[in-house]
Amino acid sequence: MLICTAVFCLQWLTGGWLEAFFGLWPVQSGRFWPWQLGTYAFLHGGVTHLFFNMLGLWMFGSELERLWGHKRYIQMLVASVLTAAVMQLLVNWLAGSRGYTVGASGALFGLLLSYGMLFPNRVIMPLFPPIPMKARTFVAVFGGLELLFGLTGSDGVAHFAHLGGMLGAWLLISHWRGRLPFGPKRRR
């Protein structure tokens, strides 16, 4: 959270230079570089974007980090950021988009899915809508909304990157649980 806030201050001071070099640009734009698969997550499009991403990281990430430990928590963030980036690159390629992507939202949605998988019956009170609901319901609603918004409009939000972050979290948790072909070997 501190790194994202510091980078946001640098963005403000440099007047857009960081986005041009470190934002996630589509492959066909001619501005794509491999490091952007990770660096885009530290940049944000405005104070509100930064605030809500950091609030979500704090709300869901703090408990997950206590449960998993620092190493697994970082693994989850990296997996979510990378799969969000790959999903966004794929969607941009299919749509022929040339705009860049910034934000830690893919990581946040990965943590959100993780929280819903690990604490499915825990009741939470989201900001929008302010209705108490079980974590699994909250995750399903937000995942469904992301899919709906991604399919129906071009509002400048990387909805499929959010879904990509959720996919990365699901894949990593499935790997940790030994449920994928490449999962850890179980002792007999």
N, C-alpha and C. Protein backbone atom coordinates (compact mmCIF):
# COMPACT_ATOMS: atom_id res chain seq x y z
N MET A 1 0.83 -1.18 0.00
CA MET A 1 0.00 0.00 0.00
C MET A 1 0.88 1.25 0.00
N LEU A 2 1.96 1.21 0.77
CA LEU A 2 2.85 2.36 0.81
C LEU A 2 3.56 2.57 -0.52
N ILE A 3 3.94 1.47 -1.16
CA ILE A 3 4.61 1.59 -2.46
C ILE A 3 3.67 2.21 -3.48
N CYS A 4 2.43 1.73 -3.53
CA CYS A 4 1.45 2.29 -4.48
C CYS A 4 1.21 3.78 -4.22
N THR A 5 1.15 4.16 -2.96
CA THR A 5 0.93 5.57 -2.63
C THR A 5 2.14 6.41 -3.03
N ALA A 6 3.34 5.90 -2.77
CA ALA A 6 4.56 6.63 -3.17
C ALA A 6 4.65 6.75 -4.68
N VAL A 7 4.33 5.68 -5.40
CA VAL A 7 4.36 5.72 -6.86
C VAL A 7 3.31 6.70 -7.39
N PHE A 8 2.15 6.74 -6.74
CA PHE A 8 1.12 7.69 -7.16
C PHE A 8 1.62 9.13 -7.01
N CYS A 9 2.32 9.41 -5.94
CA CYS A 9 2.90 10.75 -5.75
C CYS A 9 3.91 11.05 -6.86
N LEU A 10 4.71 10.05 -7.24
CA LEU A 10 5.65 10.22 -8.35
C LEU A 10 4.91 10.47 -9.66
N GLN A 11 3.79 9.77 -9.86
CA GLN A 11 2.98 9.99 -11.06
C GLN A 11 2.54 11.45 -11.13
N TRP A 12 2.09 11.94 -10.01
CA TRP A 12 1.61 13.32 -9.95
C TRP A 12 2.74 14.30 -10.26
N LEU A 13 3.93 14.02 -9.71
CA LEU A 13 5.07 14.90 -9.92
C LEU A 13 5.61 14.85 -11.35
N THR A 14 5.54 13.69 -11.99
CA THR A 14 6.11 13.55 -13.33
C THR A 14 5.11 13.88 -14.44
N GLY A 15 3.86 14.08 -14.10
CA GLY A 15 2.89 14.49 -15.10
C GLY A 15 2.61 13.49 -16.20
N GLY A 16 2.57 12.20 -15.90
CA GLY A 16 2.20 11.21 -16.88
C GLY A 16 3.34 10.43 -17.50
N TRP A 17 4.57 10.77 -17.18
CA TRP A 17 5.70 10.06 -17.75
C TRP A 17 5.73 8.60 -17.31
N LEU A 18 5.40 8.33 -16.06
CA LEU A 18 5.44 6.95 -15.56
C LEU A 18 4.45 6.06 -16.28
N GLU A 19 3.24 6.57 -16.55
CA GLU A 19 2.24 5.78 -17.25
C GLU A 19 2.72 5.40 -18.64
N ALA A 20 3.41 6.31 -19.30
CA ALA A 20 3.88 6.06 -20.67
C ALA A 20 4.89 4.93 -20.72
N PHE A 21 5.64 4.74 -19.64
CA PHE A 21 6.70 3.75 -19.63
C PHE A 21 6.35 2.51 -18.82
N PHE A 22 5.54 2.65 -17.77
CA PHE A 22 5.27 1.55 -16.85
C PHE A 22 3.82 1.08 -16.83
N GLY A 23 2.90 1.78 -17.48
CA GLY A 23 1.54 1.30 -17.62
C GLY A 23 1.52 0.09 -18.55
N LEU A 24 0.48 -0.71 -18.49
CA LEU A 24 0.37 -1.90 -19.33
C LEU A 24 -0.22 -1.51 -20.68
N TRP A 25 0.64 -1.43 -21.68
CA TRP A 25 0.22 -1.07 -23.03
C TRP A 25 -0.07 -2.33 -23.82
N PRO A 26 -1.07 -2.28 -24.71
CA PRO A 26 -1.35 -3.44 -25.57
C PRO A 26 -0.13 -3.80 -26.42
N VAL A 27 0.01 -5.07 -26.71
CA VAL A 27 1.15 -5.55 -27.49
C VAL A 27 1.19 -4.85 -28.85
N GLN A 28 0.03 -4.68 -29.48
CA GLN A 28 -0.02 -4.10 -30.83
C GLN A 28 0.20 -2.58 -30.84
N SER A 29 0.31 -1.97 -29.67
CA SER A 29 0.50 -0.52 -29.62
C SER A 29 1.93 -0.10 -29.96
N GLY A 30 2.87 -1.02 -29.88
CA GLY A 30 4.27 -0.69 -30.09
C GLY A 30 4.93 -0.08 -28.86
N ARG A 31 4.16 0.04 -27.76
CA ARG A 31 4.70 0.62 -26.51
C ARG A 31 4.79 -0.41 -25.40
N PHE A 32 4.52 -1.66 -25.72
CA PHE A 32 4.55 -2.73 -24.72
C PHE A 32 5.98 -3.16 -24.43
N TRP A 33 6.27 -3.33 -23.14
CA TRP A 33 7.54 -3.89 -22.67
C TRP A 33 7.21 -4.94 -21.61
N PRO A 34 7.99 -6.01 -21.52
CA PRO A 34 7.67 -7.11 -20.60
C PRO A 34 7.50 -6.71 -19.13
N TRP A 35 8.26 -5.73 -18.66
CA TRP A 35 8.15 -5.34 -17.25
C TRP A 35 6.78 -4.76 -16.91
N GLN A 36 6.06 -4.31 -17.93
CA GLN A 36 4.74 -3.72 -17.69
C GLN A 36 3.75 -4.74 -17.13
N LEU A 37 4.03 -6.04 -17.30
CA LEU A 37 3.16 -7.08 -16.74
C LEU A 37 3.06 -6.98 -15.22
N GLY A 38 4.00 -6.33 -14.59
CA GLY A 38 3.96 -6.14 -13.14
C GLY A 38 3.88 -4.68 -12.72
N THR A 39 4.56 -3.81 -13.46
CA THR A 39 4.65 -2.41 -13.01
C THR A 39 3.33 -1.66 -13.09
N TYR A 40 2.43 -2.06 -13.99
CA TYR A 40 1.16 -1.36 -14.13
C TYR A 40 0.36 -1.37 -12.84
N ALA A 41 0.54 -2.40 -12.01
CA ALA A 41 -0.24 -2.55 -10.79
C ALA A 41 0.12 -1.51 -9.72
N PHE A 42 1.28 -0.88 -9.85
CA PHE A 42 1.69 0.13 -8.87
C PHE A 42 1.22 1.53 -9.24
N LEU A 43 0.71 1.70 -10.45
CA LEU A 43 0.22 2.99 -10.93
C LEU A 43 -1.29 3.06 -10.76
N HIS A 44 -1.82 4.27 -10.64
CA HIS A 44 -3.28 4.43 -10.51
C HIS A 44 -3.74 5.65 -11.28
N GLY A 45 -5.02 5.60 -11.68
CA GLY A 45 -5.59 6.63 -12.53
C GLY A 45 -6.11 7.86 -11.82
N GLY A 46 -6.06 7.90 -10.52
CA GLY A 46 -6.53 9.05 -9.76
C GLY A 46 -6.59 8.72 -8.28
N VAL A 47 -6.89 9.73 -7.48
CA VAL A 47 -6.94 9.55 -6.03
C VAL A 47 -8.02 8.54 -5.63
N THR A 48 -9.19 8.61 -6.26
CA THR A 48 -10.28 7.69 -5.94
C THR A 48 -9.89 6.25 -6.28
N HIS A 49 -9.29 6.07 -7.44
CA HIS A 49 -8.83 4.74 -7.86
C HIS A 49 -7.83 4.19 -6.84
N LEU A 50 -6.87 4.99 -6.46
CA LEU A 50 -5.88 4.58 -5.46
C LEU A 50 -6.55 4.27 -4.13
N PHE A 51 -7.43 5.16 -3.67
CA PHE A 51 -8.07 4.99 -2.36
C PHE A 51 -8.83 3.67 -2.27
N PHE A 52 -9.69 3.40 -3.26
CA PHE A 52 -10.51 2.19 -3.17
C PHE A 52 -9.68 0.92 -3.34
N ASN A 53 -8.65 0.95 -4.18
CA ASN A 53 -7.78 -0.22 -4.29
C ASN A 53 -7.03 -0.48 -2.98
N MET A 54 -6.52 0.57 -2.36
CA MET A 54 -5.78 0.39 -1.11
C MET A 54 -6.72 0.00 0.03
N LEU A 55 -7.92 0.54 0.03
CA LEU A 55 -8.91 0.15 1.04
C LEU A 55 -9.22 -1.34 0.92
N GLY A 56 -9.43 -1.81 -0.31
CA GLY A 56 -9.71 -3.23 -0.53
C GLY A 56 -8.53 -4.12 -0.16
N LEU A 57 -7.32 -3.68 -0.51
CA LEU A 57 -6.13 -4.45 -0.13
C LEU A 57 -6.02 -4.56 1.39
N TRP A 58 -6.32 -3.49 2.06
CA TRP A 58 -6.27 -3.51 3.53
C TRP A 58 -7.38 -4.39 4.10
N MET A 59 -8.61 -4.21 3.60
CA MET A 59 -9.76 -4.95 4.15
C MET A 59 -9.61 -6.47 3.99
N PHE A 60 -9.24 -6.90 2.81
CA PHE A 60 -9.18 -8.33 2.54
C PHE A 60 -7.76 -8.88 2.68
N GLY A 61 -6.77 -8.09 2.32
CA GLY A 61 -5.40 -8.57 2.32
C GLY A 61 -4.80 -8.75 3.69
N SER A 62 -5.17 -7.90 4.64
CA SER A 62 -4.52 -7.98 5.96
C SER A 62 -4.81 -9.32 6.64
N GLU A 63 -6.04 -9.78 6.56
CA GLU A 63 -6.36 -11.07 7.19
C GLU A 63 -5.75 -12.23 6.43
N LEU A 64 -5.74 -12.13 5.10
CA LEU A 64 -5.14 -13.19 4.30
C LEU A 64 -3.63 -13.29 4.54
N GLU A 65 -2.97 -12.15 4.70
CA GLU A 65 -1.54 -12.18 4.98
C GLU A 65 -1.25 -12.80 6.34
N ARG A 66 -2.09 -12.50 7.33
CA ARG A 66 -1.92 -13.12 8.65
C ARG A 66 -2.11 -14.63 8.57
N LEU A 67 -3.07 -15.08 7.77
CA LEU A 67 -3.35 -16.50 7.63
C LEU A 67 -2.26 -17.23 6.86
N TRP A 68 -1.85 -16.69 5.71
CA TRP A 68 -0.89 -17.35 4.82
C TRP A 68 0.57 -17.09 5.17
N GLY A 69 0.83 -15.95 5.75
CA GLY A 69 2.21 -15.51 5.92
C GLY A 69 2.60 -14.63 4.74
N HIS A 70 3.71 -13.94 4.91
CA HIS A 70 4.14 -12.95 3.92
C HIS A 70 4.44 -13.59 2.56
N LYS A 71 5.11 -14.73 2.55
CA LYS A 71 5.54 -15.35 1.30
C LYS A 71 4.34 -15.76 0.43
N ARG A 72 3.39 -16.47 1.00
CA ARG A 72 2.22 -16.89 0.21
C ARG A 72 1.36 -15.70 -0.18
N TYR A 73 1.28 -14.72 0.67
CA TYR A 73 0.50 -13.51 0.34
C TYR A 73 1.09 -12.82 -0.89
N ILE A 74 2.40 -12.68 -0.93
CA ILE A 74 3.07 -12.08 -2.09
C ILE A 74 2.86 -12.95 -3.33
N GLN A 75 2.92 -14.27 -3.16
CA GLN A 75 2.66 -15.17 -4.29
C GLN A 75 1.27 -14.93 -4.86
N MET A 76 0.30 -14.74 -3.98
CA MET A 76 -1.07 -14.50 -4.44
C MET A 76 -1.17 -13.17 -5.18
N LEU A 77 -0.55 -12.14 -4.65
CA LEU A 77 -0.59 -10.84 -5.33
C LEU A 77 0.05 -10.93 -6.71
N VAL A 78 1.20 -11.58 -6.79
CA VAL A 78 1.90 -11.70 -8.07
C VAL A 78 1.06 -12.51 -9.06
N ALA A 79 0.50 -13.63 -8.62
CA ALA A 79 -0.32 -14.46 -9.51
C ALA A 79 -1.52 -13.68 -10.03
N SER A 80 -2.16 -12.93 -9.16
CA SER A 80 -3.34 -12.15 -9.55
C SER A 80 -2.98 -11.02 -10.50
N VAL A 81 -1.88 -10.33 -10.22
CA VAL A 81 -1.44 -9.23 -11.09
C VAL A 81 -1.07 -9.75 -12.47
N LEU A 82 -0.34 -10.86 -12.52
CA LEU A 82 0.10 -11.40 -13.82
C LEU A 82 -1.06 -11.92 -14.65
N THR A 83 -1.98 -12.66 -14.02
CA THR A 83 -3.11 -13.18 -14.80
C THR A 83 -4.04 -12.06 -15.22
N ALA A 84 -4.16 -11.03 -14.39
CA ALA A 84 -4.95 -9.86 -14.79
C ALA A 84 -4.33 -9.19 -16.00
N ALA A 85 -3.01 -9.07 -16.00
CA ALA A 85 -2.30 -8.44 -17.13
C ALA A 85 -2.47 -9.26 -18.41
N VAL A 86 -2.30 -10.57 -18.30
CA VAL A 86 -2.45 -11.42 -19.48
C VAL A 86 -3.88 -11.34 -20.02
N MET A 87 -4.85 -11.38 -19.14
CA MET A 87 -6.25 -11.27 -19.57
C MET A 87 -6.50 -9.93 -20.25
N GLN A 88 -5.97 -8.85 -19.68
CA GLN A 88 -6.17 -7.53 -20.28
C GLN A 88 -5.48 -7.43 -21.63
N LEU A 89 -4.29 -7.99 -21.74
CA LEU A 89 -3.60 -7.98 -23.04
C LEU A 89 -4.39 -8.74 -24.09
N LEU A 90 -4.96 -9.87 -23.69
CA LEU A 90 -5.76 -10.67 -24.61
C LEU A 90 -7.01 -9.90 -25.06
N VAL A 91 -7.71 -9.30 -24.11
CA VAL A 91 -8.92 -8.53 -24.44
C VAL A 91 -8.56 -7.33 -25.30
N ASN A 92 -7.49 -6.64 -24.99
CA ASN A 92 -7.06 -5.50 -25.81
C ASN A 92 -6.69 -5.93 -27.23
N TRP A 93 -6.03 -7.08 -27.34
CA TRP A 93 -5.67 -7.58 -28.66
C TRP A 93 -6.92 -7.91 -29.47
N LEU A 94 -7.89 -8.60 -28.84
CA LEU A 94 -9.13 -8.96 -29.53
C LEU A 94 -9.94 -7.74 -29.92
N ALA A 95 -9.94 -6.72 -29.06
CA ALA A 95 -10.73 -5.51 -29.32
C ALA A 95 -9.97 -4.49 -30.16
N GLY A 96 -8.68 -4.71 -30.36
CA GLY A 96 -7.88 -3.75 -31.11
C GLY A 96 -7.63 -2.46 -30.36
N SER A 97 -7.69 -2.53 -29.04
CA SER A 97 -7.50 -1.33 -28.21
C SER A 97 -6.03 -0.91 -28.19
N ARG A 98 -5.81 0.37 -28.04
CA ARG A 98 -4.44 0.89 -27.96
C ARG A 98 -4.20 1.67 -26.67
N GLY A 99 -5.16 1.67 -25.75
CA GLY A 99 -5.00 2.39 -24.49
C GLY A 99 -4.29 1.55 -23.45
N TYR A 100 -3.70 2.21 -22.47
CA TYR A 100 -2.96 1.50 -21.43
C TYR A 100 -3.83 1.24 -20.21
N THR A 101 -3.35 0.33 -19.36
CA THR A 101 -4.05 -0.08 -18.14
C THR A 101 -3.16 0.19 -16.95
N VAL A 102 -3.75 0.70 -15.87
CA VAL A 102 -3.04 0.90 -14.61
C VAL A 102 -3.93 0.46 -13.46
N GLY A 103 -3.30 0.12 -12.34
CA GLY A 103 -4.04 -0.14 -11.12
C GLY A 103 -3.83 -1.52 -10.54
N ALA A 104 -4.03 -1.62 -9.23
CA ALA A 104 -3.88 -2.86 -8.49
C ALA A 104 -5.20 -3.61 -8.38
N SER A 105 -6.17 -3.27 -9.20
CA SER A 105 -7.49 -3.89 -9.10
C SER A 105 -7.46 -5.38 -9.37
N GLY A 106 -6.61 -5.85 -10.28
CA GLY A 106 -6.49 -7.29 -10.52
C GLY A 106 -6.04 -8.01 -9.26
N ALA A 107 -5.07 -7.44 -8.55
CA ALA A 107 -4.62 -8.01 -7.28
C ALA A 107 -5.73 -7.98 -6.25
N LEU A 108 -6.46 -6.88 -6.21
CA LEU A 108 -7.56 -6.76 -5.26
C LEU A 108 -8.64 -7.80 -5.52
N PHE A 109 -9.01 -8.01 -6.77
CA PHE A 109 -10.03 -9.01 -7.08
C PHE A 109 -9.51 -10.42 -6.81
N GLY A 110 -8.21 -10.65 -6.95
CA GLY A 110 -7.64 -11.93 -6.56
C GLY A 110 -7.77 -12.16 -5.07
N LEU A 111 -7.49 -11.13 -4.29
CA LEU A 111 -7.65 -11.24 -2.84
C LEU A 111 -9.11 -11.42 -2.45
N LEU A 112 -9.98 -10.73 -3.16
CA LEU A 112 -11.42 -10.85 -2.90
C LEU A 112 -11.88 -12.29 -3.11
N LEU A 113 -11.49 -12.89 -4.23
CA LEU A 113 -11.87 -14.28 -4.49
C LEU A 113 -11.26 -15.20 -3.42
N SER A 114 -10.01 -14.97 -3.06
CA SER A 114 -9.36 -15.77 -2.02
C SER A 114 -10.12 -15.69 -0.71
N TYR A 115 -10.52 -14.49 -0.35
CA TYR A 115 -11.27 -14.28 0.89
C TYR A 115 -12.58 -15.06 0.85
N GLY A 116 -13.27 -14.97 -0.28
CA GLY A 116 -14.53 -15.70 -0.42
C GLY A 116 -14.35 -17.21 -0.38
N MET A 117 -13.24 -17.71 -0.91
CA MET A 117 -12.98 -19.15 -0.87
C MET A 117 -12.60 -19.63 0.53
N LEU A 118 -11.85 -18.81 1.25
CA LEU A 118 -11.37 -19.22 2.57
C LEU A 118 -12.36 -18.94 3.70
N PHE A 119 -13.17 -17.90 3.53
CA PHE A 119 -14.14 -17.53 4.56
C PHE A 119 -15.53 -17.36 3.92
N PRO A 120 -16.07 -18.41 3.30
CA PRO A 120 -17.29 -18.24 2.51
C PRO A 120 -18.51 -17.81 3.32
N ASN A 121 -18.59 -18.19 4.56
CA ASN A 121 -19.77 -17.88 5.36
C ASN A 121 -19.61 -16.66 6.25
N ARG A 122 -18.47 -16.01 6.19
CA ARG A 122 -18.27 -14.81 6.99
C ARG A 122 -19.13 -13.69 6.42
N VAL A 123 -19.86 -13.01 7.28
CA VAL A 123 -20.74 -11.92 6.86
C VAL A 123 -19.91 -10.64 6.81
N ILE A 124 -20.00 -9.95 5.67
CA ILE A 124 -19.31 -8.68 5.50
C ILE A 124 -20.33 -7.61 5.11
N MET A 125 -19.96 -6.37 5.34
CA MET A 125 -20.81 -5.23 4.97
C MET A 125 -20.06 -4.41 3.94
N PRO A 126 -20.36 -4.61 2.66
CA PRO A 126 -19.67 -3.83 1.63
C PRO A 126 -20.13 -2.37 1.64
N LEU A 127 -19.29 -1.52 1.05
CA LEU A 127 -19.67 -0.11 0.91
C LEU A 127 -20.79 0.06 -0.10
N PHE A 128 -20.69 -0.71 -1.21
CA PHE A 128 -21.68 -0.64 -2.28
C PHE A 128 -22.13 -2.04 -2.64
N PRO A 129 -23.32 -2.46 -2.42
CA PRO A 129 -24.38 -1.83 -1.64
C PRO A 129 -24.16 -2.09 -0.15
N PRO A 130 -24.63 -1.21 0.71
CA PRO A 130 -24.44 -1.41 2.16
C PRO A 130 -25.44 -2.43 2.73
N ILE A 131 -25.32 -3.65 2.26
CA ILE A 131 -26.21 -4.74 2.68
C ILE A 131 -25.32 -5.87 3.19
N PRO A 132 -25.55 -6.34 4.43
CA PRO A 132 -24.73 -7.45 4.92
C PRO A 132 -24.95 -8.70 4.07
N MET A 133 -23.86 -9.36 3.71
CA MET A 133 -23.96 -10.59 2.93
C MET A 133 -22.76 -11.48 3.22
N LYS A 134 -22.93 -12.76 2.92
CA LYS A 134 -21.83 -13.70 3.10
C LYS A 134 -20.76 -13.38 2.07
N ALA A 135 -19.52 -13.67 2.43
CA ALA A 135 -18.39 -13.36 1.55
C ALA A 135 -18.53 -14.04 0.20
N ARG A 136 -19.00 -15.30 0.18
CA ARG A 136 -19.14 -15.99 -1.11
C ARG A 136 -20.18 -15.32 -1.99
N THR A 137 -21.23 -14.78 -1.40
CA THR A 137 -22.25 -14.06 -2.17
C THR A 137 -21.68 -12.77 -2.72
N PHE A 138 -20.94 -12.05 -1.89
CA PHE A 138 -20.30 -10.81 -2.30
C PHE A 138 -19.37 -11.05 -3.49
N VAL A 139 -18.56 -12.10 -3.41
CA VAL A 139 -17.63 -12.42 -4.49
C VAL A 139 -18.39 -12.79 -5.76
N ALA A 140 -19.43 -13.59 -5.63
CA ALA A 140 -20.22 -13.99 -6.80
C ALA A 140 -20.89 -12.78 -7.45
N VAL A 141 -21.43 -11.88 -6.65
CA VAL A 141 -22.09 -10.68 -7.18
C VAL A 141 -21.08 -9.81 -7.90
N PHE A 142 -19.96 -9.55 -7.27
CA PHE A 142 -18.97 -8.68 -7.91
C PHE A 142 -18.35 -9.33 -9.14
N GLY A 143 -18.10 -10.63 -9.10
CA GLY A 143 -17.60 -11.33 -10.28
C GLY A 143 -18.61 -11.28 -11.42
N GLY A 144 -19.89 -11.49 -11.10
CA GLY A 144 -20.94 -11.41 -12.12
C GLY A 144 -21.07 -10.02 -12.70
N LEU A 145 -20.98 -9.01 -11.85
CA LEU A 145 -21.06 -7.63 -12.33
C LEU A 145 -19.88 -7.29 -13.24
N GLU A 146 -18.69 -7.75 -12.88
CA GLU A 146 -17.52 -7.50 -13.72
C GLU A 146 -17.70 -8.13 -15.09
N LEU A 147 -18.22 -9.35 -15.13
CA LEU A 147 -18.46 -10.01 -16.40
C LEU A 147 -19.51 -9.25 -17.21
N LEU A 148 -20.60 -8.87 -16.56
CA LEU A 148 -21.67 -8.12 -17.24
C LEU A 148 -21.15 -6.79 -17.78
N PHE A 149 -20.46 -6.03 -16.95
CA PHE A 149 -19.93 -4.73 -17.39
C PHE A 149 -18.88 -4.89 -18.48
N GLY A 150 -18.08 -5.94 -18.38
CA GLY A 150 -17.06 -6.18 -19.41
C GLY A 150 -17.67 -6.51 -20.76
N LEU A 151 -18.77 -7.25 -20.75
CA LEU A 151 -19.42 -7.64 -22.00
C LEU A 151 -20.28 -6.55 -22.61
N THR A 152 -20.80 -5.64 -21.78
CA THR A 152 -21.79 -4.68 -22.28
C THR A 152 -21.28 -3.28 -22.54
N GLY A 153 -20.12 -2.94 -22.06
CA GLY A 153 -19.75 -1.53 -22.25
C GLY A 153 -18.26 -1.28 -22.28
N SER A 154 -17.95 -0.09 -22.70
CA SER A 154 -16.57 0.36 -22.71
C SER A 154 -16.49 1.63 -21.87
N ASP A 155 -16.48 1.44 -20.56
CA ASP A 155 -16.48 2.57 -19.63
C ASP A 155 -15.08 2.96 -19.17
N GLY A 156 -14.06 2.39 -19.79
CA GLY A 156 -12.70 2.73 -19.42
C GLY A 156 -12.17 1.95 -18.23
N VAL A 157 -12.95 0.98 -17.74
CA VAL A 157 -12.53 0.15 -16.62
C VAL A 157 -12.13 -1.21 -17.18
N ALA A 158 -11.04 -1.76 -16.67
CA ALA A 158 -10.51 -3.04 -17.15
C ALA A 158 -11.22 -4.20 -16.45
N HIS A 159 -12.50 -4.40 -16.77
CA HIS A 159 -13.29 -5.43 -16.10
C HIS A 159 -12.71 -6.83 -16.29
N PHE A 160 -12.19 -7.11 -17.48
CA PHE A 160 -11.63 -8.45 -17.70
C PHE A 160 -10.30 -8.63 -16.98
N ALA A 161 -9.59 -7.56 -16.70
CA ALA A 161 -8.40 -7.66 -15.86
C ALA A 161 -8.81 -8.05 -14.44
N HIS A 162 -9.92 -7.52 -13.96
CA HIS A 162 -10.42 -7.89 -12.64
C HIS A 162 -10.73 -9.38 -12.60
N LEU A 163 -11.41 -9.85 -13.65
CA LEU A 163 -11.73 -11.27 -13.73
C LEU A 163 -10.45 -12.10 -13.86
N GLY A 164 -9.46 -11.58 -14.57
CA GLY A 164 -8.17 -12.26 -14.67
C GLY A 164 -7.49 -12.40 -13.32
N GLY A 165 -7.59 -11.37 -12.49
CA GLY A 165 -7.05 -11.45 -11.13
C GLY A 165 -7.75 -12.53 -10.32
N MET A 166 -9.06 -12.64 -10.49
CA MET A 166 -9.81 -13.70 -9.80
C MET A 166 -9.38 -15.08 -10.30
N LEU A 167 -9.17 -15.20 -11.61
CA LEU A 167 -8.73 -16.46 -12.18
C LEU A 167 -7.36 -16.86 -11.62
N GLY A 168 -6.45 -15.91 -11.54
CA GLY A 168 -5.13 -16.20 -10.98
C GLY A 168 -5.20 -16.68 -9.55
N ALA A 169 -6.07 -16.07 -8.75
CA ALA A 169 -6.24 -16.49 -7.36
C ALA A 169 -6.81 -17.90 -7.29
N TRP A 170 -7.80 -18.17 -8.11
CA TRP A 170 -8.40 -19.50 -8.11
C TRP A 170 -7.38 -20.56 -8.52
N LEU A 171 -6.60 -20.26 -9.55
CA LEU A 171 -5.58 -21.21 -10.00
C LEU A 171 -4.54 -21.48 -8.90
N LEU A 172 -4.09 -20.42 -8.24
CA LEU A 172 -3.06 -20.59 -7.21
C LEU A 172 -3.61 -21.34 -6.00
N ILE A 173 -4.81 -21.02 -5.56
CA ILE A 173 -5.40 -21.74 -4.42
C ILE A 173 -5.63 -23.20 -4.80
N SER A 174 -6.08 -23.45 -6.01
CA SER A 174 -6.27 -24.82 -6.48
C SER A 174 -4.93 -25.56 -6.50
N HIS A 175 -3.88 -24.88 -6.91
CA HIS A 175 -2.53 -25.47 -6.90
C HIS A 175 -2.12 -25.80 -5.47
N TRP A 176 -2.31 -24.86 -4.56
CA TRP A 176 -1.94 -25.09 -3.16
C TRP A 176 -2.71 -26.27 -2.57
N ARG A 177 -3.95 -26.44 -3.00
CA ARG A 177 -4.78 -27.53 -2.48
C ARG A 177 -4.55 -28.84 -3.23
N GLY A 178 -3.69 -28.83 -4.24
CA GLY A 178 -3.38 -30.04 -4.99
C GLY A 178 -4.49 -30.48 -5.92
N ARG A 179 -5.30 -29.55 -6.39
CA ARG A 179 -6.46 -29.89 -7.22
C ARG A 179 -6.24 -29.69 -8.71
N LEU A 180 -5.07 -29.30 -9.10
CA LEU A 180 -4.77 -29.13 -10.52
C LEU A 180 -3.70 -30.14 -10.90
N PRO A 181 -3.58 -30.42 -12.18
CA PRO A 181 -2.57 -31.41 -12.60
C PRO A 181 -1.15 -31.03 -12.18
N PHE A 182 -0.89 -29.75 -11.98
CA PHE A 182 0.46 -29.33 -11.62
C PHE A 182 0.55 -28.97 -10.14
N GLY A 183 -0.40 -29.47 -9.33
CA GLY A 183 -0.42 -29.16 -7.90
C GLY A 183 0.66 -29.89 -7.13
N PRO A 184 0.84 -29.54 -5.85
CA PRO A 184 1.86 -30.19 -5.03
C PRO A 184 1.52 -31.68 -4.84
N LYS A 185 2.57 -32.48 -4.71
CA LYS A 185 2.36 -33.92 -4.50
C LYS A 185 1.92 -34.15 -3.06
N ARG A 186 0.97 -35.03 -2.92
CA ARG A 186 0.46 -35.35 -1.58
C ARG A 186 1.24 -36.53 -1.01
N ARG A 187 1.43 -36.50 0.29
CA ARG A 187 2.08 -37.62 0.98
C ARG A 187 1.06 -38.73 1.18
N ARG A 188 1.57 -39.95 1.10
CA ARG A 188 0.67 -41.10 1.31
C ARG A 188 0.96 -41.76 2.61
